[in-house]
Amino acid sequence: MEKIDQINLNESVKTTTRKQQIQAKKEQDKRKGYEELTLLCQVGEIEMARRLAERNPHWGYTVNHSGVQESRYEQLVELCEVGEVELAQELTEENPHWGYIIVEGSVQKKED
């Protein structure tokens, strides 16, 4: 019985470590995306930065004339991740201009 408990503990530690690695990679990608978008804005390539942000919604940023901003997409994803799927659904229904819908607990771009 003790050996089984040890095996279960080892698997739990491996899973937790893997989740931490995935989260760290997501955060690193998001930082990199922010840096790329900011650089494009600094050199006057606002439209290019906007298109790049649209093609990479997982970065969680939008670009407008005032620069790089955190997007509604990222806020909706965070709500879904913490179990607030109903709230995320309400927000998308109240703000259809955001262009997102919630399907089975995940954020998707609304088809036009």
C-alpha atoms as a PDB file:
ATOM      1  CA  MET A   1       0.000   0.000   0.000  1.00  0.00           C
ATOM      2  CA  GLU A   2       2.815   2.422   0.839  1.00  0.00           C
ATOM      3  CA  LYS A   3       4.415   1.776  -2.557  1.00  0.00           C
ATOM      4  CA  ILE A   4       1.151   2.635  -4.341  1.00  0.00           C
ATOM      5  CA  ASP A   5       0.881   5.879  -2.366  1.00  0.00           C
ATOM      6  CA  GLN A   6       4.451   6.760  -3.355  1.00  0.00           C
ATOM      7  CA  ILE A   7       3.724   6.068  -7.022  1.00  0.00           C
ATOM      8  CA  ASN A   8       0.579   8.238  -6.872  1.00  0.00           C
ATOM      9  CA  LEU A   9       2.567  11.015  -5.183  1.00  0.00           C
ATOM     10  CA  ASN A  10       5.286  10.837  -7.842  1.00  0.00           C
ATOM     11  CA  GLU A  11       2.690  11.048 -10.635  1.00  0.00           C
ATOM     12  CA  SER A  12       1.032  14.012  -8.932  1.00  0.00           C
ATOM     13  CA  VAL A  13       4.373  15.831  -8.662  1.00  0.00           C
ATOM     14  CA  LYS A  14       5.118  15.134 -12.341  1.00  0.00           C
ATOM     15  CA  THR A  15       1.707  16.482 -13.371  1.00  0.00           C
ATOM     16  CA  THR A  16       2.108  19.612 -11.244  1.00  0.00           C
ATOM     17  CA  THR A  17       5.597  20.230 -12.615  1.00  0.00           C
ATOM     18  CA  ARG A  18       4.349  19.828 -16.191  1.00  0.00           C
ATOM     19  CA  LYS A  19       1.486  22.270 -15.577  1.00  0.00           C
ATOM     20  CA  GLN A  20       3.965  24.790 -14.174  1.00  0.00           C
ATOM     21  CA  GLN A  21       6.185  24.371 -17.237  1.00  0.00           C
ATOM     22  CA  ILE A  22       3.239  24.914 -19.575  1.00  0.00           C
ATOM     23  CA  GLN A  23       2.145  28.015 -17.650  1.00  0.00           C
ATOM     24  CA  ALA A  24       5.695  29.414 -17.691  1.00  0.00           C
ATOM     25  CA  LYS A  25       5.859  28.851 -21.474  1.00  0.00           C
ATOM     26  CA  LYS A  26       2.510  30.647 -21.961  1.00  0.00           C
ATOM     27  CA  GLU A  27       3.724  33.606 -19.915  1.00  0.00           C
ATOM     28  CA  GLN A  28       6.999  33.705 -21.842  1.00  0.00           C
ATOM     29  CA  ASP A  29       5.111  33.658 -25.174  1.00  0.00           C
ATOM     30  CA  LYS A  30       2.819  36.434 -23.955  1.00  0.00           C
ATOM     31  CA  ARG A  31       5.796  38.607 -22.921  1.00  0.00           C
ATOM     32  CA  LYS A  32       7.476  37.988 -26.274  1.00  0.00           C
ATOM     33  CA  GLY A  33       4.288  38.924 -28.108  1.00  0.00           C
ATOM     34  CA  TYR A  34       3.961  42.136 -26.105  1.00  0.00           C
ATOM     35  CA  GLU A  35       7.565  43.055 -26.902  1.00  0.00           C
ATOM     36  CA  GLU A  36       7.081  42.415 -30.629  1.00  0.00           C
ATOM     37  CA  LEU A  37       3.855  44.425 -30.764  1.00  0.00           C
ATOM     38  CA  THR A  38       5.362  47.294 -28.778  1.00  0.00           C
ATOM     39  CA  LEU A  39       8.400  47.434 -31.056  1.00  0.00           C
ATOM     40  CA  LEU A  40       6.213  47.539 -34.169  1.00  0.00           C
ATOM     41  CA  CYS A  41       4.191  50.400 -32.653  1.00  0.00           C
ATOM     42  CA  GLN A  42       7.341  52.295 -31.735  1.00  0.00           C
ATOM     43  CA  VAL A  43       8.551  52.233 -35.319  1.00  0.00           C
ATOM     44  CA  GLY A  44       5.148  53.320 -36.620  1.00  0.00           C
ATOM     45  CA  GLU A  45       3.908  49.974 -37.923  1.00  0.00           C
ATOM     46  CA  ILE A  46       0.557  50.149 -36.117  1.00  0.00           C
ATOM     47  CA  GLU A  47      -1.407  48.299 -38.786  1.00  0.00           C
ATOM     48  CA  MET A  48       1.148  45.497 -38.950  1.00  0.00           C
ATOM     49  CA  ALA A  49       1.083  45.212 -35.141  1.00  0.00           C
ATOM     50  CA  ARG A  50      -2.728  45.096 -35.210  1.00  0.00           C
ATOM     51  CA  ARG A  51      -2.743  42.265 -37.750  1.00  0.00           C
ATOM     52  CA  LEU A  52      -0.094  40.350 -35.793  1.00  0.00           C
ATOM     53  CA  ALA A  53      -2.130  40.690 -32.578  1.00  0.00           C
ATOM     54  CA  GLU A  54      -5.255  39.464 -34.388  1.00  0.00           C
ATOM     55  CA  ARG A  55      -3.389  36.390 -35.686  1.00  0.00           C
ATOM     56  CA  ASN A  56      -2.116  35.612 -32.167  1.00  0.00           C
ATOM     57  CA  PRO A  57      -5.089  36.028 -29.811  1.00  0.00           C
ATOM     58  CA  HIS A  58      -3.409  33.730 -27.263  1.00  0.00           C
ATOM     59  CA  TRP A  59      -0.987  36.592 -26.547  1.00  0.00           C
ATOM     60  CA  GLY A  60      -3.946  38.464 -25.117  1.00  0.00           C
ATOM     61  CA  TYR A  61      -3.297  41.880 -26.661  1.00  0.00           C
ATOM     62  CA  THR A  62      -4.962  44.262 -29.056  1.00  0.00           C
ATOM     63  CA  VAL A  63      -3.409  47.234 -30.827  1.00  0.00           C
ATOM     64  CA  ASN A  64      -5.006  50.596 -31.486  1.00  0.00           C
ATOM     65  CA  HIS A  65      -3.825  54.167 -32.024  1.00  0.00           C
ATOM     66  CA  SER A  66      -2.825  54.445 -28.345  1.00  0.00           C
ATOM     67  CA  GLY A  67      -0.640  51.313 -28.426  1.00  0.00           C
ATOM     68  CA  VAL A  68      -0.730  47.761 -27.098  1.00  0.00           C
ATOM     69  CA  GLN A  69      -3.490  46.825 -24.655  1.00  0.00           C
ATOM     70  CA  GLU A  70      -4.641  43.649 -22.932  1.00  0.00           C
ATOM     71  CA  SER A  71      -7.489  42.159 -24.917  1.00  0.00           C
ATOM     72  CA  ARG A  72     -10.947  41.026 -23.925  1.00  0.00           C
ATOM     73  CA  TYR A  73      -9.931  37.576 -25.161  1.00  0.00           C
ATOM     74  CA  GLU A  74      -7.410  37.181 -22.352  1.00  0.00           C
ATOM     75  CA  GLN A  75      -9.923  38.351 -19.759  1.00  0.00           C
ATOM     76  CA  LEU A  76     -12.510  35.847 -21.009  1.00  0.00           C
ATOM     77  CA  VAL A  77      -9.972  33.004 -21.011  1.00  0.00           C
ATOM     78  CA  GLU A  78      -8.981  33.800 -17.431  1.00  0.00           C
ATOM     79  CA  LEU A  79     -12.628  33.752 -16.349  1.00  0.00           C
ATOM     80  CA  CYS A  80     -13.140  30.346 -17.977  1.00  0.00           C
ATOM     81  CA  GLU A  81      -9.943  28.968 -16.421  1.00  0.00           C
ATOM     82  CA  VAL A  82     -11.115  29.870 -12.906  1.00  0.00           C
ATOM     83  CA  GLY A  83     -14.533  28.322 -13.480  1.00  0.00           C
ATOM     84  CA  GLU A  84     -16.474  31.523 -14.183  1.00  0.00           C
ATOM     85  CA  VAL A  85     -17.789  30.257 -17.515  1.00  0.00           C
ATOM     86  CA  GLU A  86     -21.281  31.691 -16.948  1.00  0.00           C
ATOM     87  CA  LEU A  87     -19.858  35.161 -16.285  1.00  0.00           C
ATOM     88  CA  ALA A  88     -17.706  34.931 -19.415  1.00  0.00           C
ATOM     89  CA  GLN A  89     -20.801  33.860 -21.376  1.00  0.00           C
ATOM     90  CA  GLU A  90     -22.793  36.819 -20.014  1.00  0.00           C
ATOM     91  CA  LEU A  91     -20.010  39.242 -20.960  1.00  0.00           C
ATOM     92  CA  THR A  92     -19.836  37.952 -24.531  1.00  0.00           C
ATOM     93  CA  GLU A  93     -23.621  38.227 -24.865  1.00  0.00           C
ATOM     94  CA  GLU A  94     -23.639  41.770 -23.453  1.00  0.00           C
ATOM     95  CA  ASN A  95     -20.702  42.792 -25.686  1.00  0.00           C
ATOM     96  CA  PRO A  96     -21.119  41.108 -29.084  1.00  0.00           C
ATOM     97  CA  HIS A  97     -18.812  43.727 -30.624  1.00  0.00           C
ATOM     98  CA  TRP A  98     -15.899  41.982 -28.849  1.00  0.00           C
ATOM     99  CA  GLY A  99     -16.243  39.219 -31.445  1.00  0.00           C
ATOM    100  CA  TYR A 100     -16.038  36.201 -29.106  1.00  0.00           C
ATOM    101  CA  ILE A 101     -18.338  33.431 -27.947  1.00  0.00           C
ATOM    102  CA  ILE A 102     -17.981  30.819 -25.215  1.00  0.00           C
ATOM    103  CA  VAL A 103     -18.326  27.218 -26.394  1.00  0.00           C
ATOM    104  CA  GLU A 104     -18.056  24.374 -23.890  1.00  0.00           C
ATOM    105  CA  GLY A 105     -16.028  26.529 -21.509  1.00  0.00           C
ATOM    106  CA  SER A 106     -13.570  27.901 -24.039  1.00  0.00           C
ATOM    107  CA  VAL A 107     -13.290  31.221 -25.853  1.00  0.00           C
ATOM    108  CA  GLN A 108     -13.710  31.195 -29.608  1.00  0.00           C
ATOM    109  CA  LYS A 109     -13.749  33.905 -32.241  1.00  0.00           C
ATOM    110  CA  LYS A 110     -17.284  34.555 -33.427  1.00  0.00           C
ATOM    111  CA  GLU A 111     -17.928  33.732 -37.082  1.00  0.00           C
ATOM    112  CA  ASP A 112     -19.304  36.693 -39.023  1.00  0.00           C
END
